[in-house]
Amino acid sequence: MLIKTGDTVEVLAGASKGVRGKVIKVDREAGKALVEGVNKVFKHVKRSQKHPQGGRLSKEMPIDISKVQFCCESCGKRARLGLRYTDEGAKERFCKKCDTTAGEIAPPKAAYAKKPVAAKKTKMIATARLKDRYESEVLPQLKEQLGRANRLSLPRLDKIVVSMGVGSAISDKKHIEEATSALADITGQKAMVCKARKSVAGFRLREGMAIGAKVTLRGVRMYEFLDRLISIALPRVRDFRGVKKKAFDGQGNYSLGLTEQLVFPELNPDKYTRPQGMNIAICTRGATDDEARLMLEMLGFPFQREENN
């Protein structure tokens, strides 16, 4: 597409066939050109402040670039355009009938010299402290103790599900909002509202009512949450003496219950005055109960000692 703004063109087809005009604008992406006095549309306008007299207004509409052809100013005929390089290295158009220059379309090649590219800013990806410990310390120990060379066969964390059952939301819907807000503050991830699957008349429960909230953590957030749970939240539990070793489900998944959400320092006691318990399910992959327990112990999970059982 060698036609540009300011060229004189002639319409080859349509109602304006044979009409010549200057190109006002070229839309290269759409393949259309706006030509002065060509492809006009008319509109009747009422009297207004903008148009005090009213009347019939005209406006040019774009026409397909394939329906116009360049008209040379030197020979006055329709002609095709060609490209060639000048001695200075600039690219110019020329009329193929009279070999007359029709103007440059690009600066000399020297103008295209590469500019120094600024160094790209590398995005820092945060890595959880507990994940680094698993990769550097726990994995080699698991390989040695379990006698497996393939790391995919070794126990590893899959996800952590933090949930709150809010039965009082049947009478007060604000409790659900408090639960979702608390889970978002604790985990740094928006909570999903859980709804009742069926109606239970004894509990005044109807199908579809919001009765809880949960968050599923994976990746860096999972390791970061487990790190805060082990090092900050659990030691703040009153009379804490460790968690039970037998709370596994037979498939390497461990469940833990907390009676109060304020053990997490992210929560403001003035905002969350009503005590609300929560359940934490730690799901693992490629592990039996004993292997999952061994991995969690290596990560620093505070299980009860044998003499306390």
Protein backbone atom coordinates (compact mmCIF):
# COMPACT_ATOMS: atom_id res chain seq x y z
CA MET A 1 0.00 0.00 0.00
CA LEU A 2 2.03 2.92 -1.37
CA ILE A 3 -0.71 5.57 -1.37
CA LYS A 4 -0.34 8.13 1.40
CA THR A 5 -2.06 11.28 2.66
CA GLY A 6 -1.96 14.16 0.15
CA ASP A 7 -1.83 12.00 -3.01
CA THR A 8 -4.27 12.58 -5.86
CA VAL A 9 -6.21 9.42 -6.71
CA GLU A 10 -8.97 8.41 -9.11
CA VAL A 11 -11.89 6.15 -8.21
CA LEU A 12 -11.99 3.00 -10.36
CA ALA A 13 -15.39 1.56 -9.39
CA GLY A 14 -18.65 2.43 -7.71
CA ALA A 15 -20.96 5.43 -7.90
CA SER A 16 -18.00 7.86 -7.92
CA LYS A 17 -16.14 6.11 -10.76
CA GLY A 18 -13.81 8.50 -12.61
CA VAL A 19 -13.84 11.14 -9.86
CA ARG A 20 -10.47 12.45 -8.71
CA GLY A 21 -9.66 13.81 -5.29
CA LYS A 22 -6.95 14.20 -2.67
CA VAL A 23 -6.41 11.58 0.01
CA ILE A 24 -7.33 13.01 3.42
CA LYS A 25 -6.48 9.98 5.54
CA VAL A 26 -5.23 6.40 5.07
CA ASP A 27 -6.16 3.54 7.41
CA ARG A 28 -3.59 0.86 6.59
CA GLU A 29 -4.94 -1.71 9.05
CA ALA A 30 -8.46 -1.55 7.60
CA GLY A 31 -7.21 -1.08 4.02
CA LYS A 32 -9.31 2.04 3.46
CA ALA A 33 -8.71 5.65 2.41
CA LEU A 34 -10.68 8.85 2.94
CA VAL A 35 -10.79 10.81 -0.35
CA GLU A 36 -11.99 14.39 -0.64
CA GLY A 37 -15.38 14.63 -2.43
CA VAL A 38 -15.72 10.85 -2.86
CA ASN A 39 -18.24 8.44 -1.28
CA LYS A 40 -20.29 11.16 0.35
CA VAL A 41 -23.18 10.45 2.70
CA PHE A 42 -25.91 12.93 3.57
CA LYS A 43 -27.78 13.52 6.79
CA HIS A 44 -30.77 15.76 7.55
CA VAL A 45 -30.19 17.81 10.70
CA LYS A 46 -32.78 19.67 12.76
CA ARG A 47 -32.25 23.24 13.92
CA SER A 48 -30.12 23.44 17.06
CA GLN A 49 -27.49 25.60 18.72
CA LYS A 50 -24.80 23.77 16.78
CA HIS A 51 -26.73 23.97 13.48
CA PRO A 52 -28.99 27.06 13.66
CA GLN A 53 -30.17 26.73 10.05
CA GLY A 54 -30.54 22.95 10.06
CA GLY A 55 -30.57 21.39 6.61
CA ARG A 56 -28.68 18.63 4.82
CA LEU A 57 -25.08 17.88 5.80
CA SER A 58 -22.58 15.85 3.80
CA LYS A 59 -19.60 13.85 4.93
CA GLU A 60 -16.98 11.71 3.17
CA MET A 61 -16.82 8.05 4.16
CA PRO A 62 -13.77 5.78 3.73
CA ILE A 63 -13.47 3.83 0.49
CA ASP A 64 -11.61 0.59 -0.06
CA ILE A 65 -8.02 1.26 -1.14
CA SER A 66 -8.35 -1.28 -3.98
CA LYS A 67 -10.97 0.96 -5.66
CA VAL A 68 -8.61 3.93 -6.13
CA GLN A 69 -5.44 4.42 -8.14
CA PHE A 70 -2.64 6.94 -7.89
CA CYS A 71 -2.64 9.86 -10.35
CA CYS A 72 0.77 11.26 -11.29
CA GLU A 73 1.07 15.05 -11.11
CA SER A 74 3.77 15.12 -13.81
CA CYS A 75 2.07 13.12 -16.57
CA GLY A 76 -1.49 13.60 -15.30
CA LYS A 77 -2.34 9.92 -15.86
CA ARG A 78 -3.26 7.03 -13.65
CA ALA A 79 -0.19 4.99 -12.93
CA ARG A 80 1.25 2.35 -10.70
CA LEU A 81 3.80 3.25 -8.07
CA GLY A 82 7.17 1.64 -7.60
CA LEU A 83 9.89 1.77 -4.93
CA ARG A 84 13.59 2.45 -5.27
CA TYR A 85 16.54 3.60 -3.17
CA THR A 86 18.25 6.95 -3.65
CA ASP A 87 22.01 7.49 -3.45
CA GLU A 88 21.60 8.64 0.16
CA GLY A 89 19.88 5.38 1.04
CA ALA A 90 16.36 6.76 1.31
CA LYS A 91 13.41 4.81 -0.06
CA GLU A 92 11.30 6.78 -2.57
CA ARG A 93 8.22 6.23 -4.72
CA PHE A 94 8.21 6.76 -8.48
CA CYS A 95 5.65 6.75 -11.28
CA LYS A 96 6.08 3.68 -13.49
CA LYS A 97 4.82 5.55 -16.58
CA CYS A 98 6.99 8.67 -16.56
CA ASP A 99 9.65 7.55 -14.03
CA THR A 100 9.05 10.70 -11.95
CA THR A 101 9.77 10.72 -8.23
CA ALA A 102 6.59 10.80 -6.15
CA GLY A 103 8.23 11.58 -2.81
CA GLU A 104 10.19 9.75 -0.10
CA ILE A 105 8.39 7.31 2.15
CA ALA A 106 11.29 6.45 4.45
CA PRO A 107 14.39 8.28 5.77
CA PRO A 108 17.90 7.13 4.83
CA LYS A 109 19.06 3.82 6.24
CA ALA A 110 21.42 5.62 8.62
CA ALA A 111 18.37 6.84 10.51
CA TYR A 112 17.53 3.23 11.31
CA ALA A 113 20.70 2.71 13.36
CA LYS A 114 19.97 0.65 16.40
CA LYS A 115 19.55 2.62 19.56
CA PRO A 116 21.01 1.32 22.80
CA VAL A 117 18.42 -0.85 24.48
CA ALA A 118 17.87 -0.22 28.15
CA ALA A 119 18.43 -3.18 30.41
CA LYS A 120 15.21 -5.00 31.22
CA LYS A 121 14.09 -4.89 34.79
CA THR A 122 14.00 -8.41 36.11
CA LYS A 123 10.99 -9.27 38.20
CA MET A 124 11.91 -10.66 41.58
CA ILE A 125 9.98 -13.83 42.37
CA ALA A 126 9.49 -14.40 46.07
CA THR A 127 10.34 -17.85 47.38
CA ALA A 128 8.96 -19.13 50.65
CA ARG A 129 11.49 -19.93 53.36
CA LEU A 130 9.88 -23.30 54.08
CA LYS A 131 10.02 -24.29 50.41
CA ASP A 132 13.76 -23.58 50.31
CA ARG A 133 14.17 -25.74 53.38
CA TYR A 134 12.20 -28.57 51.77
CA GLU A 135 14.34 -28.44 48.61
CA SER A 136 17.72 -28.13 50.32
CA GLU A 137 17.34 -30.14 53.56
CA VAL A 138 14.21 -32.29 53.65
CA LEU A 139 14.43 -33.88 50.19
CA PRO A 140 17.98 -35.29 50.65
CA GLN A 141 17.00 -36.71 54.05
CA LEU A 142 13.85 -38.31 52.64
CA LYS A 143 15.84 -39.90 49.81
CA GLU A 144 18.27 -41.38 52.32
CA GLN A 145 15.71 -42.61 54.86
CA LEU A 146 13.12 -43.94 52.37
CA GLY A 147 15.69 -45.28 49.90
CA ARG A 148 14.17 -43.67 46.81
CA ALA A 149 16.17 -41.82 44.16
CA ASN A 150 13.19 -40.45 42.22
CA ARG A 151 12.06 -37.23 43.89
CA LEU A 152 8.56 -37.56 42.41
CA SER A 153 8.00 -40.68 44.51
CA LEU A 154 8.86 -38.82 47.71
CA PRO A 155 6.19 -37.19 49.90
CA ARG A 156 5.50 -33.54 49.12
CA LEU A 157 2.91 -30.91 49.95
CA ASP A 158 0.05 -30.60 47.47
CA LYS A 159 -2.32 -27.99 48.97
CA ILE A 160 -3.66 -26.59 52.23
CA VAL A 161 -7.39 -25.97 52.70
CA VAL A 162 -8.36 -23.48 55.43
CA SER A 163 -12.10 -23.52 56.18
CA MET A 164 -14.58 -22.04 58.65
CA GLY A 165 -18.01 -23.46 59.42
CA VAL A 166 -20.33 -20.58 60.31
CA GLY A 167 -23.58 -22.08 61.57
CA SER A 168 -24.63 -18.81 63.16
CA ALA A 169 -24.89 -17.30 59.66
CA ILE A 170 -28.40 -18.80 59.45
CA SER A 171 -29.63 -16.11 61.82
CA ASP A 172 -27.07 -13.38 61.04
CA LYS A 173 -25.57 -13.08 57.55
CA LYS A 174 -22.87 -10.67 58.78
CA HIS A 175 -21.01 -13.61 60.31
CA ILE A 176 -20.26 -14.96 56.82
CA GLU A 177 -18.75 -11.62 55.82
CA GLU A 178 -16.59 -11.67 58.95
CA ALA A 179 -15.41 -15.21 58.18
CA THR A 180 -14.48 -14.45 54.57
CA SER A 181 -12.71 -11.26 55.64
CA ALA A 182 -10.76 -13.11 58.35
CA LEU A 183 -9.68 -15.86 55.95
CA ALA A 184 -8.55 -13.25 53.43
CA ASP A 185 -6.48 -11.46 56.08
CA ILE A 186 -4.91 -14.70 57.30
CA THR A 187 -4.11 -16.33 53.96
CA GLY A 188 -3.79 -13.33 51.63
CA GLN A 189 -6.28 -14.92 49.25
CA LYS A 190 -9.98 -14.28 48.66
CA ALA A 191 -12.22 -16.83 50.38
CA MET A 192 -14.97 -18.83 48.68
CA VAL A 193 -18.41 -18.98 50.33
CA CYS A 194 -19.74 -22.51 50.92
CA LYS A 195 -23.49 -23.10 50.61
CA ALA A 196 -25.77 -25.82 51.98
CA ARG A 197 -26.41 -28.71 49.58
CA LYS A 198 -29.77 -29.68 51.04
CA SER A 199 -32.38 -28.43 53.49
CA VAL A 200 -32.48 -29.63 57.11
CA ALA A 201 -35.63 -28.60 58.97
CA GLY A 202 -34.19 -29.36 62.41
CA PHE A 203 -31.44 -26.78 61.93
CA ARG A 204 -33.67 -24.27 60.09
CA LEU A 205 -31.35 -24.77 57.13
CA ARG A 206 -32.41 -24.29 53.53
CA GLU A 207 -30.65 -25.41 50.39
CA GLY A 208 -28.35 -22.70 49.03
CA MET A 209 -27.85 -20.84 52.32
CA ALA A 210 -24.29 -19.65 53.08
CA ILE A 211 -22.95 -21.68 56.01
CA GLY A 212 -19.16 -21.44 55.68
CA ALA A 213 -16.09 -20.23 53.81
CA LYS A 214 -12.84 -21.79 52.64
CA VAL A 215 -9.54 -21.00 50.95
CA THR A 216 -7.36 -23.42 48.98
CA LEU A 217 -3.65 -22.54 49.04
CA ARG A 218 -1.03 -23.85 46.64
CA GLY A 219 2.53 -22.98 45.69
CA VAL A 220 4.35 -20.17 47.49
CA ARG A 221 1.29 -19.09 49.51
CA MET A 222 0.88 -22.62 50.81
CA TYR A 223 4.46 -22.80 52.12
CA GLU A 224 4.27 -19.26 53.49
CA PHE A 225 1.04 -20.02 55.38
CA LEU A 226 2.43 -23.27 56.81
CA ASP A 227 5.56 -21.41 57.95
CA ARG A 228 3.46 -18.83 59.83
CA LEU A 229 1.26 -21.57 61.28
CA ILE A 230 4.25 -23.48 62.67
CA SER A 231 6.39 -20.59 63.89
CA ILE A 232 3.79 -17.99 65.00
CA ALA A 233 0.18 -19.19 65.25
CA LEU A 234 0.48 -22.55 67.04
CA PRO A 235 2.86 -21.28 69.77
CA ARG A 236 0.24 -18.62 70.62
CA VAL A 237 -2.39 -21.26 71.41
CA ARG A 238 -3.11 -21.37 75.14
CA ASP A 239 -1.46 -24.36 76.91
CA PHE A 240 -0.09 -25.64 73.62
CA ARG A 241 1.77 -28.95 73.95
CA GLY A 242 1.92 -30.05 70.35
CA VAL A 243 -0.56 -31.47 67.86
CA LYS A 244 -1.75 -35.07 67.69
CA LYS A 245 0.16 -37.50 65.53
CA LYS A 246 -2.84 -39.66 64.70
CA ALA A 247 -4.96 -37.05 62.89
CA PHE A 248 -4.19 -38.54 59.46
CA ASP A 249 -6.89 -39.91 57.15
CA GLY A 250 -5.01 -42.97 55.86
CA GLN A 251 -3.89 -41.28 52.62
CA GLY A 252 -1.23 -38.95 54.00
CA ASN A 253 -3.53 -35.96 54.65
CA TYR A 254 -3.47 -34.26 58.04
CA SER A 255 -6.32 -32.27 59.63
CA LEU A 256 -5.92 -29.72 62.39
CA GLY A 257 -8.56 -27.70 64.23
CA LEU A 258 -8.21 -24.32 65.94
CA THR A 259 -10.81 -22.98 68.36
CA GLU A 260 -10.01 -19.31 67.80
CA GLN A 261 -8.85 -17.32 64.80
CA LEU A 262 -7.03 -14.63 66.79
CA VAL A 263 -3.92 -16.81 67.16
CA PHE A 264 -2.93 -15.33 63.79
CA PRO A 265 -1.39 -11.88 64.38
CA GLU A 266 -2.75 -10.61 61.04
CA LEU A 267 -6.21 -10.22 62.62
CA ASN A 268 -7.14 -7.09 64.55
CA PRO A 269 -8.85 -8.03 67.87
CA ASP A 270 -10.95 -4.86 67.72
CA LYS A 271 -12.38 -5.89 64.35
CA TYR A 272 -12.96 -9.59 65.07
CA THR A 273 -14.54 -9.73 68.52
CA ARG A 274 -16.55 -12.94 68.03
CA PRO A 275 -14.45 -16.12 68.45
CA GLN A 276 -14.53 -18.32 65.36
CA GLY A 277 -12.82 -21.68 64.96
CA MET A 278 -11.30 -23.05 61.79
CA ASN A 279 -10.13 -26.29 60.24
CA ILE A 280 -6.80 -26.69 58.43
CA ALA A 281 -6.34 -29.65 56.08
CA ILE A 282 -2.77 -30.31 54.90
CA CYS A 283 -2.89 -32.47 51.77
CA THR A 284 0.19 -34.36 50.58
CA ARG A 285 1.11 -36.38 47.51
CA GLY A 286 2.95 -39.65 47.10
CA ALA A 287 2.95 -40.45 50.79
CA THR A 288 1.49 -42.81 53.35
CA ASP A 289 0.55 -41.54 56.80
CA ASP A 290 3.96 -42.42 58.24
CA GLU A 291 5.84 -40.83 55.33
CA ALA A 292 3.73 -37.67 55.50
CA ARG A 293 4.31 -37.49 59.27
CA LEU A 294 8.06 -37.85 58.71
CA MET A 295 8.07 -35.05 56.13
CA LEU A 296 6.07 -32.69 58.36
CA GLU A 297 8.39 -33.40 61.30
CA MET A 298 11.38 -32.48 59.13
CA LEU A 299 9.64 -29.24 58.18
CA GLY A 300 9.29 -28.41 61.88
CA PHE A 301 5.67 -29.40 62.52
CA PRO A 302 5.19 -29.55 66.33
CA PHE A 303 3.84 -33.05 66.92
CA GLN A 304 3.32 -34.28 70.48
CA ARG A 305 6.14 -36.25 72.00
CA GLU A 306 5.74 -39.90 72.83
CA GLU A 307 5.63 -39.32 76.58
CA ASN A 308 2.71 -36.90 76.17
CA ASN A 309 0.50 -39.46 74.41
